[in-house]
Amino acid sequence: MSKPTEIELKTALVASATMKEHNKDPFFIAKSLLNHNYRLKYYEELLTVADRYMNHGQAEHERMKLLRCIEKIKETEIKIEKGKIDNFGLE
């Protein structure tokens, strides 16, 4: 399956937000898409930082960036699990 284009993703996110807004998400598709899209940016950042760390001599500065990135993901996952993030960046 190919990655959605920017337009396709924006269209899907708008539709998902509308579904959530009107409480019409019987199979949790909108909730899942919004949640995954929200979290994906953190993992993409982690990939970028990890790649930079591995390919630039594993410098201490890059290592610290990598550790901060991992901590940010862990904190976000905990907030999502506890229900402290529900709008996934939509408001």
PDB file of N, CA and C in Angstrom:
ATOM      1  N   MET A   1       0.855  -1.170   0.000  1.00  0.00           N
ATOM      2  CA  MET A   1       0.000   0.000   0.000  1.00  0.00           C
ATOM      3  C   MET A   1       0.898   1.228   0.000  1.00  0.00           C
ATOM      4  N   SER A   2       0.587   2.170  -0.835  1.00  0.00           N
ATOM      5  CA  SER A   2       1.399   3.385  -0.930  1.00  0.00           C
ATOM      6  C   SER A   2       1.022   4.386   0.159  1.00  0.00           C
ATOM      7  N   LYS A   3       1.956   5.248   0.428  1.00  0.00           N
ATOM      8  CA  LYS A   3       1.755   6.322   1.397  1.00  0.00           C
ATOM      9  C   LYS A   3       0.768   7.327   0.801  1.00  0.00           C
ATOM     10  N   PRO A   4      -0.165   7.849   1.609  1.00  0.00           N
ATOM     11  CA  PRO A   4      -1.103   8.840   1.068  1.00  0.00           C
ATOM     12  C   PRO A   4      -0.367  10.132   0.701  1.00  0.00           C
ATOM     13  N   THR A   5      -0.864  10.791  -0.322  1.00  0.00           N
ATOM     14  CA  THR A   5      -0.299  12.082  -0.687  1.00  0.00           C
ATOM     15  C   THR A   5      -0.674  13.091   0.396  1.00  0.00           C
ATOM     16  N   GLU A   6      -0.047  14.248   0.353  1.00  0.00           N
ATOM     17  CA  GLU A   6      -0.349  15.290   1.336  1.00  0.00           C
ATOM     18  C   GLU A   6      -1.831  15.675   1.267  1.00  0.00           C
ATOM     19  N   ILE A   7      -2.363  15.784   0.069  1.00  0.00           N
ATOM     20  CA  ILE A   7      -3.777  16.145  -0.108  1.00  0.00           C
ATOM     21  C   ILE A   7      -4.687  15.039   0.421  1.00  0.00           C
ATOM     22  N   GLU A   8      -4.343  13.783   0.123  1.00  0.00           N
ATOM     23  CA  GLU A   8      -5.148  12.665   0.613  1.00  0.00           C
ATOM     24  C   GLU A   8      -5.156  12.629   2.143  1.00  0.00           C
ATOM     25  N   LEU A   9      -3.995  12.835   2.746  1.00  0.00           N
ATOM     26  CA  LEU A   9      -3.911  12.819   4.195  1.00  0.00           C
ATOM     27  C   LEU A   9      -4.716  13.957   4.812  1.00  0.00           C
ATOM     28  N   LYS A  10      -4.574  15.151   4.271  1.00  0.00           N
ATOM     29  CA  LYS A  10      -5.333  16.295   4.799  1.00  0.00           C
ATOM     30  C   LYS A  10      -6.831  16.048   4.676  1.00  0.00           C
ATOM     31  N   THR A  11      -7.257  15.497   3.553  1.00  0.00           N
ATOM     32  CA  THR A  11      -8.677  15.193   3.339  1.00  0.00           C
ATOM     33  C   THR A  11      -9.167  14.179   4.369  1.00  0.00           C
ATOM     34  N   ALA A  12      -8.381  13.125   4.589  1.00  0.00           N
ATOM     35  CA  ALA A  12      -8.749  12.097   5.559  1.00  0.00           C
ATOM     36  C   ALA A  12      -8.793  12.655   6.978  1.00  0.00           C
ATOM     37  N   LEU A  13      -7.854  13.533   7.303  1.00  0.00           N
ATOM     38  CA  LEU A  13      -7.828  14.119   8.643  1.00  0.00           C
ATOM     39  C   LEU A  13      -9.022  15.042   8.876  1.00  0.00           C
ATOM     40  N   VAL A  14      -9.387  15.819   7.869  1.00  0.00           N
ATOM     41  CA  VAL A  14     -10.564  16.690   7.987  1.00  0.00           C
ATOM     42  C   VAL A  14     -11.822  15.839   8.163  1.00  0.00           C
ATOM     43  N   ALA A  15     -11.935  14.774   7.366  1.00  0.00           N
ATOM     44  CA  ALA A  15     -13.097  13.883   7.483  1.00  0.00           C
ATOM     45  C   ALA A  15     -13.124  13.222   8.863  1.00  0.00           C
ATOM     46  N   SER A  16     -11.966  12.810   9.352  1.00  0.00           N
ATOM     47  CA  SER A  16     -11.893  12.183  10.674  1.00  0.00           C
ATOM     48  C   SER A  16     -12.281  13.154  11.775  1.00  0.00           C
ATOM     49  N   ALA A  17     -11.812  14.375  11.675  1.00  0.00           N
ATOM     50  CA  ALA A  17     -12.155  15.392  12.670  1.00  0.00           C
ATOM     51  C   ALA A  17     -13.663  15.644  12.668  1.00  0.00           C
ATOM     52  N   THR A  18     -14.248  15.686  11.489  1.00  0.00           N
ATOM     53  CA  THR A  18     -15.696  15.887  11.369  1.00  0.00           C
ATOM     54  C   THR A  18     -16.453  14.719  11.987  1.00  0.00           C
ATOM     55  N   MET A  19     -15.978  13.503  11.715  1.00  0.00           N
ATOM     56  CA  MET A  19     -16.612  12.317  12.291  1.00  0.00           C
ATOM     57  C   MET A  19     -16.575  12.370  13.817  1.00  0.00           C
ATOM     58  N   LYS A  20     -15.414  12.722  14.374  1.00  0.00           N
ATOM     59  CA  LYS A  20     -15.280  12.808  15.830  1.00  0.00           C
ATOM     60  C   LYS A  20     -16.153  13.916  16.395  1.00  0.00           C
ATOM     61  N   GLU A  21     -16.169  15.046  15.689  1.00  0.00           N
ATOM     62  CA  GLU A  21     -16.953  16.201  16.126  1.00  0.00           C
ATOM     63  C   GLU A  21     -18.434  15.856  16.241  1.00  0.00           C
ATOM     64  N   HIS A  22     -18.928  15.061  15.287  1.00  0.00           N
ATOM     65  CA  HIS A  22     -20.346  14.694  15.260  1.00  0.00           C
ATOM     66  C   HIS A  22     -20.598  13.340  15.933  1.00  0.00           C
ATOM     67  N   ASN A  23     -19.573  12.820  16.589  1.00  0.00           N
ATOM     68  CA  ASN A  23     -19.685  11.556  17.305  1.00  0.00           C
ATOM     69  C   ASN A  23     -20.207  10.434  16.409  1.00  0.00           C
ATOM     70  N   LYS A  24     -19.692  10.380  15.182  1.00  0.00           N
ATOM     71  CA  LYS A  24     -20.082   9.336  14.219  1.00  0.00           C
ATOM     72  C   LYS A  24     -18.839   8.557  13.805  1.00  0.00           C
ATOM     73  N   ASP A  25     -18.374   7.744  14.727  1.00  0.00           N
ATOM     74  CA  ASP A  25     -17.166   6.956  14.505  1.00  0.00           C
ATOM     75  C   ASP A  25     -17.368   5.574  15.118  1.00  0.00           C
ATOM     76  N   PRO A  26     -18.355   4.810  14.604  1.00  0.00           N
ATOM     77  CA  PRO A  26     -18.727   3.556  15.257  1.00  0.00           C
ATOM     78  C   PRO A  26     -17.604   2.507  15.308  1.00  0.00           C
ATOM     79  N   PHE A  27     -16.690   2.552  14.395  1.00  0.00           N
ATOM     80  CA  PHE A  27     -15.615   1.558  14.381  1.00  0.00           C
ATOM     81  C   PHE A  27     -14.265   2.156  14.778  1.00  0.00           C
ATOM     82  N   PHE A  28     -14.283   3.368  15.297  1.00  0.00           N
ATOM     83  CA  PHE A  28     -13.092   4.061  15.814  1.00  0.00           C
ATOM     84  C   PHE A  28     -12.021   4.305  14.752  1.00  0.00           C
ATOM     85  N   ILE A  29     -12.445   4.396  13.523  1.00  0.00           N
ATOM     86  CA  ILE A  29     -11.500   4.654  12.432  1.00  0.00           C
ATOM     87  C   ILE A  29     -10.961   6.074  12.521  1.00  0.00           C
ATOM     88  N   ALA A  30     -11.840   7.032  12.745  1.00  0.00           N
ATOM     89  CA  ALA A  30     -11.404   8.430  12.848  1.00  0.00           C
ATOM     90  C   ALA A  30     -10.479   8.614  14.051  1.00  0.00           C
ATOM     91  N   LYS A  31     -10.860   8.057  15.178  1.00  0.00           N
ATOM     92  CA  LYS A  31     -10.032   8.160  16.381  1.00  0.00           C
ATOM     93  C   LYS A  31      -8.657   7.554  16.138  1.00  0.00           C
ATOM     94  N   SER A  32      -8.620   6.408  15.496  1.00  0.00           N
ATOM     95  CA  SER A  32      -7.349   5.727  15.217  1.00  0.00           C
ATOM     96  C   SER A  32      -6.472   6.538  14.282  1.00  0.00           C
ATOM     97  N   LEU A  33      -7.055   7.069  13.215  1.00  0.00           N
ATOM     98  CA  LEU A  33      -6.281   7.860  12.266  1.00  0.00           C
ATOM     99  C   LEU A  33      -5.730   9.113  12.933  1.00  0.00           C
ATOM    100  N   LEU A  34      -6.563   9.815  13.670  1.00  0.00           N
ATOM    101  CA  LEU A  34      -6.114  11.035  14.334  1.00  0.00           C
ATOM    102  C   LEU A  34      -5.015  10.735  15.349  1.00  0.00           C
ATOM    103  N   ASN A  35      -5.181   9.666  16.106  1.00  0.00           N
ATOM    104  CA  ASN A  35      -4.182   9.279  17.098  1.00  0.00           C
ATOM    105  C   ASN A  35      -2.859   8.910  16.431  1.00  0.00           C
ATOM    106  N   HIS A  36      -2.915   8.094  15.414  1.00  0.00           N
ATOM    107  CA  HIS A  36      -1.686   7.675  14.737  1.00  0.00           C
ATOM    108  C   HIS A  36      -0.994   8.840  14.037  1.00  0.00           C
ATOM    109  N   ASN A  37      -1.766   9.709  13.435  1.00  0.00           N
ATOM    110  CA  ASN A  37      -1.165  10.874  12.778  1.00  0.00           C
ATOM    111  C   ASN A  37      -0.481  11.777  13.796  1.00  0.00           C
ATOM    112  N   TYR A  38      -1.111  11.965  14.947  1.00  0.00           N
ATOM    113  CA  TYR A  38      -0.540  12.794  16.017  1.00  0.00           C
ATOM    114  C   TYR A  38       0.785  12.207  16.494  1.00  0.00           C
ATOM    115  N   ARG A  39       0.810  10.887  16.709  1.00  0.00           N
ATOM    116  CA  ARG A  39       2.000  10.223  17.232  1.00  0.00           C
ATOM    117  C   ARG A  39       3.094  10.066  16.183  1.00  0.00           C
ATOM    118  N   LEU A  40       2.727   9.949  14.930  1.00  0.00           N
ATOM    119  CA  LEU A  40       3.703   9.702  13.869  1.00  0.00           C
ATOM    120  C   LEU A  40       4.773  10.776  13.793  1.00  0.00           C
ATOM    121  N   LYS A  41       4.421  12.033  14.030  1.00  0.00           N
ATOM    122  CA  LYS A  41       5.415  13.112  13.951  1.00  0.00           C
ATOM    123  C   LYS A  41       6.553  12.903  14.947  1.00  0.00           C
ATOM    124  N   TYR A  42       6.223  12.355  16.122  1.00  0.00           N
ATOM    125  CA  TYR A  42       7.258  12.094  17.119  1.00  0.00           C
ATOM    126  C   TYR A  42       8.200  10.980  16.669  1.00  0.00           C
ATOM    127  N   TYR A  43       7.650   9.955  16.062  1.00  0.00           N
ATOM    128  CA  TYR A  43       8.476   8.841  15.592  1.00  0.00           C
ATOM    129  C   TYR A  43       9.300   9.224  14.364  1.00  0.00           C
ATOM    130  N   GLU A  44       8.762  10.076  13.520  1.00  0.00           N
ATOM    131  CA  GLU A  44       9.541  10.567  12.381  1.00  0.00           C
ATOM    132  C   GLU A  44      10.720  11.405  12.870  1.00  0.00           C
ATOM    133  N   GLU A  45      10.479  12.217  13.900  1.00  0.00           N
ATOM    134  CA  GLU A  45      11.566  13.005  14.487  1.00  0.00           C
ATOM    135  C   GLU A  45      12.622  12.080  15.093  1.00  0.00           C
ATOM    136  N   LEU A  46      12.166  11.013  15.765  1.00  0.00           N
ATOM    137  CA  LEU A  46      13.092  10.042  16.356  1.00  0.00           C
ATOM    138  C   LEU A  46      13.961   9.404  15.274  1.00  0.00           C
ATOM    139  N   LEU A  47      13.368   9.051  14.157  1.00  0.00           N
ATOM    140  CA  LEU A  47      14.128   8.461  13.058  1.00  0.00           C
ATOM    141  C   LEU A  47      15.191   9.430  12.550  1.00  0.00           C
ATOM    142  N   THR A  48      14.833  10.673  12.379  1.00  0.00           N
ATOM    143  CA  THR A  48      15.778  11.688  11.910  1.00  0.00           C
ATOM    144  C   THR A  48      16.932  11.856  12.891  1.00  0.00           C
ATOM    145  N   VAL A  49      16.612  11.972  14.176  1.00  0.00           N
ATOM    146  CA  VAL A  49      17.635  12.176  15.194  1.00  0.00           C
ATOM    147  C   VAL A  49      18.521  10.936  15.325  1.00  0.00           C
ATOM    148  N   ALA A  50      17.933   9.749  15.295  1.00  0.00           N
ATOM    149  CA  ALA A  50      18.715   8.512  15.398  1.00  0.00           C
ATOM    150  C   ALA A  50      19.643   8.355  14.194  1.00  0.00           C
ATOM    151  N   ASP A  51      19.137   8.678  13.019  1.00  0.00           N
ATOM    152  CA  ASP A  51      19.959   8.599  11.813  1.00  0.00           C
ATOM    153  C   ASP A  51      21.143   9.560  11.902  1.00  0.00           C
ATOM    154  N   ARG A  52      20.882  10.768  12.359  1.00  0.00           N
ATOM    155  CA  ARG A  52      21.944  11.758  12.511  1.00  0.00           C
ATOM    156  C   ARG A  52      22.992  11.280  13.528  1.00  0.00           C
ATOM    157  N   TYR A  53      22.513  10.706  14.617  1.00  0.00           N
ATOM    158  CA  TYR A  53      23.424  10.195  15.650  1.00  0.00           C
ATOM    159  C   TYR A  53      24.310   9.072  15.092  1.00  0.00           C
ATOM    160  N   MET A  54      23.697   8.138  14.398  1.00  0.00           N
ATOM    161  CA  MET A  54      24.447   6.986  13.887  1.00  0.00           C
ATOM    162  C   MET A  54      25.411   7.370  12.767  1.00  0.00           C
ATOM    163  N   ASN A  55      25.070   8.363  11.992  1.00  0.00           N
ATOM    164  CA  ASN A  55      25.874   8.700  10.816  1.00  0.00           C
ATOM    165  C   ASN A  55      26.819   9.882  11.008  1.00  0.00           C
ATOM    166  N   HIS A  56      26.854  10.442  12.193  1.00  0.00           N
ATOM    167  CA  HIS A  56      27.752  11.572  12.439  1.00  0.00           C
ATOM    168  C   HIS A  56      28.655  11.310  13.638  1.00  0.00           C
ATOM    169  N   GLY A  57      29.173  10.101  13.704  1.00  0.00           N
ATOM    170  CA  GLY A  57      30.186   9.795  14.702  1.00  0.00           C
ATOM    171  C   GLY A  57      29.682   9.584  16.113  1.00  0.00           C
ATOM    172  N   GLN A  58      28.395   9.433  16.292  1.00  0.00           N
ATOM    173  CA  GLN A  58      27.793   9.209  17.603  1.00  0.00           C
ATOM    174  C   GLN A  58      28.270  10.243  18.634  1.00  0.00           C
ATOM    175  N   ALA A  59      28.210  11.498  18.234  1.00  0.00           N
ATOM    176  CA  ALA A  59      28.630  12.605  19.098  1.00  0.00           C
ATOM    177  C   ALA A  59      27.727  12.711  20.324  1.00  0.00           C
ATOM    178  N   GLU A  60      28.286  13.181  21.416  1.00  0.00           N
ATOM    179  CA  GLU A  60      27.544  13.304  22.669  1.00  0.00           C
ATOM    180  C   GLU A  60      26.341  14.237  22.525  1.00  0.00           C
ATOM    181  N   HIS A  61      26.513  15.326  21.792  1.00  0.00           N
ATOM    182  CA  HIS A  61      25.408  16.271  21.570  1.00  0.00           C
ATOM    183  C   HIS A  61      24.251  15.573  20.855  1.00  0.00           C
ATOM    184  N   GLU A  62      24.558  14.784  19.847  1.00  0.00           N
ATOM    185  CA  GLU A  62      23.517  14.062  19.104  1.00  0.00           C
ATOM    186  C   GLU A  62      22.883  12.983  19.982  1.00  0.00           C
ATOM    187  N   ARG A  63      23.679  12.368  20.841  1.00  0.00           N
ATOM    188  CA  ARG A  63      23.166  11.359  21.767  1.00  0.00           C
ATOM    189  C   ARG A  63      22.148  11.985  22.714  1.00  0.00           C
ATOM    190  N   MET A  64      22.436  13.170  23.210  1.00  0.00           N
ATOM    191  CA  MET A  64      21.510  13.858  24.108  1.00  0.00           C
ATOM    192  C   MET A  64      20.210  14.210  23.389  1.00  0.00           C
ATOM    193  N   LYS A  65      20.308  14.625  22.137  1.00  0.00           N
ATOM    194  CA  LYS A  65      19.099  14.902  21.346  1.00  0.00           C
ATOM    195  C   LYS A  65      18.261  13.638  21.201  1.00  0.00           C
ATOM    196  N   LEU A  66      18.945  12.535  20.951  1.00  0.00           N
ATOM    197  CA  LEU A  66      18.263  11.245  20.791  1.00  0.00           C
ATOM    198  C   LEU A  66      17.549  10.851  22.082  1.00  0.00           C
ATOM    199  N   LEU A  67      18.221  10.983  23.208  1.00  0.00           N
ATOM    200  CA  LEU A  67      17.610  10.650  24.491  1.00  0.00           C
ATOM    201  C   LEU A  67      16.418  11.554  24.804  1.00  0.00           C
ATOM    202  N   ARG A  68      16.527  12.855  24.504  1.00  0.00           N
ATOM    203  CA  ARG A  68      15.402  13.787  24.722  1.00  0.00           C
ATOM    204  C   ARG A  68      14.211  13.403  23.846  1.00  0.00           C
ATOM    205  N   CYS A  69      14.505  13.019  22.630  1.00  0.00           N
ATOM    206  CA  CYS A  69      13.450  12.622  21.693  1.00  0.00           C
ATOM    207  C   CYS A  69      12.715  11.379  22.223  1.00  0.00           C
ATOM    208  N   ILE A  70      13.465  10.409  22.709  1.00  0.00           N
ATOM    209  CA  ILE A  70      12.866   9.197  23.268  1.00  0.00           C
ATOM    210  C   ILE A  70      12.016   9.537  24.485  1.00  0.00           C
ATOM    211  N   GLU A  71      12.505  10.409  25.347  1.00  0.00           N
ATOM    212  CA  GLU A  71      11.739  10.814  26.530  1.00  0.00           C
ATOM    213  C   GLU A  71      10.451  11.525  26.139  1.00  0.00           C
ATOM    214  N   LYS A  72      10.510  12.367  25.118  1.00  0.00           N
ATOM    215  CA  LYS A  72       9.319  13.085  24.654  1.00  0.00           C
ATOM    216  C   LYS A  72       8.257  12.088  24.171  1.00  0.00           C
ATOM    217  N   ILE A  73       8.696  11.048  23.465  1.00  0.00           N
ATOM    218  CA  ILE A  73       7.757  10.028  22.994  1.00  0.00           C
ATOM    219  C   ILE A  73       7.140   9.291  24.176  1.00  0.00           C
ATOM    220  N   LYS A  74       7.957   8.905  25.139  1.00  0.00           N
ATOM    221  CA  LYS A  74       7.446   8.199  26.317  1.00  0.00           C
ATOM    222  C   LYS A  74       6.422   9.049  27.070  1.00  0.00           C
ATOM    223  N   GLU A  75       6.716  10.331  27.250  1.00  0.00           N
ATOM    224  CA  GLU A  75       5.791  11.227  27.941  1.00  0.00           C
ATOM    225  C   GLU A  75       4.481  11.368  27.176  1.00  0.00           C
ATOM    226  N   THR A  76       4.570  11.492  25.869  1.00  0.00           N
ATOM    227  CA  THR A  76       3.373  11.618  25.048  1.00  0.00           C
ATOM    228  C   THR A  76       2.532  10.359  25.112  1.00  0.00           C
ATOM    229  N   GLU A  77       3.164   9.199  25.044  1.00  0.00           N
ATOM    230  CA  GLU A  77       2.437   7.935  25.119  1.00  0.00           C
ATOM    231  C   GLU A  77       1.715   7.800  26.462  1.00  0.00           C
ATOM    232  N   ILE A  78       2.356   8.215  27.541  1.00  0.00           N
ATOM    233  CA  ILE A  78       1.721   8.155  28.859  1.00  0.00           C
ATOM    234  C   ILE A  78       0.525   9.089  28.911  1.00  0.00           C
ATOM    235  N   LYS A  79       0.676  10.308  28.378  1.00  0.00           N
ATOM    236  CA  LYS A  79      -0.446  11.262  28.364  1.00  0.00           C
ATOM    237  C   LYS A  79      -1.617  10.709  27.572  1.00  0.00           C
ATOM    238  N   ILE A  80      -1.334  10.080  26.435  1.00  0.00           N
ATOM    239  CA  ILE A  80      -2.405   9.516  25.611  1.00  0.00           C
ATOM    240  C   ILE A  80      -3.092   8.371  26.360  1.00  0.00           C
ATOM    241  N   GLU A  81      -2.302   7.496  26.987  1.00  0.00           N
ATOM    242  CA  GLU A  81      -2.869   6.372  27.738  1.00  0.00           C
ATOM    243  C   GLU A  81      -3.777   6.847  28.859  1.00  0.00           C
ATOM    244  N   LYS A  82      -3.389   7.926  29.523  1.00  0.00           N
ATOM    245  CA  LYS A  82      -4.173   8.437  30.641  1.00  0.00           C
ATOM    246  C   LYS A  82      -5.322   9.328  30.188  1.00  0.00           C
ATOM    247  N   GLY A  83      -5.466   9.515  28.873  1.00  0.00           N
ATOM    248  CA  GLY A  83      -6.560  10.316  28.354  1.00  0.00           C
ATOM    249  C   GLY A  83      -6.366  11.801  28.478  1.00  0.00           C
ATOM    250  N   LYS A  84      -5.138  12.235  28.724  1.00  0.00           N
ATOM    251  CA  LYS A  84      -4.868  13.660  28.868  1.00  0.00           C
ATOM    252  C   LYS A  84      -4.765  14.357  27.521  1.00  0.00           C
ATOM    253  N   ILE A  85      -4.637  13.577  26.457  1.00  0.00           N
ATOM    254  CA  ILE A  85      -4.637  14.134  25.098  1.00  0.00           C
ATOM    255  C   ILE A  85      -5.772  13.428  24.372  1.00  0.00           C
ATOM    256  N   ASP A  86      -6.776  14.191  23.985  1.00  0.00           N
ATOM    257  CA  ASP A  86      -7.913  13.588  23.307  1.00  0.00           C
ATOM    258  C   ASP A  86      -8.169  14.215  21.943  1.00  0.00           C
ATOM    259  N   ASN A  87      -7.726  15.464  21.771  1.00  0.00           N
ATOM    260  CA  ASN A  87      -8.031  16.154  20.522  1.00  0.00           C
ATOM    261  C   ASN A  87      -6.959  15.937  19.449  1.00  0.00           C
ATOM    262  N   PHE A  88      -5.816  15.387  19.830  1.00  0.00           N
ATOM    263  CA  PHE A  88      -4.729  15.063  18.913  1.00  0.00           C
ATOM    264  C   PHE A  88      -4.354  16.236  18.016  1.00  0.00           C
ATOM    265  N   GLY A  89      -4.272  17.423  18.629  1.00  0.00           N
ATOM    266  CA  GLY A  89      -3.823  18.595  17.901  1.00  0.00           C
ATOM    267  C   GLY A  89      -4.877  19.251  17.036  1.00  0.00           C
ATOM    268  N   LEU A  90      -6.145  18.914  17.225  1.00  0.00           N
ATOM    269  CA  LEU A  90      -7.202  19.453  16.363  1.00  0.00           C
ATOM    270  C   LEU A  90      -7.774  20.778  16.856  1.00  0.00           C
ATOM    271  N   GLU A  91      -7.559  21.120  18.111  1.00  0.00           N
ATOM    272  CA  GLU A  91      -8.131  22.363  18.623  1.00  0.00           C
ATOM    273  C   GLU A  91      -7.098  23.452  18.688  1.00  0.00           C
TER     274      GLU A  91
END
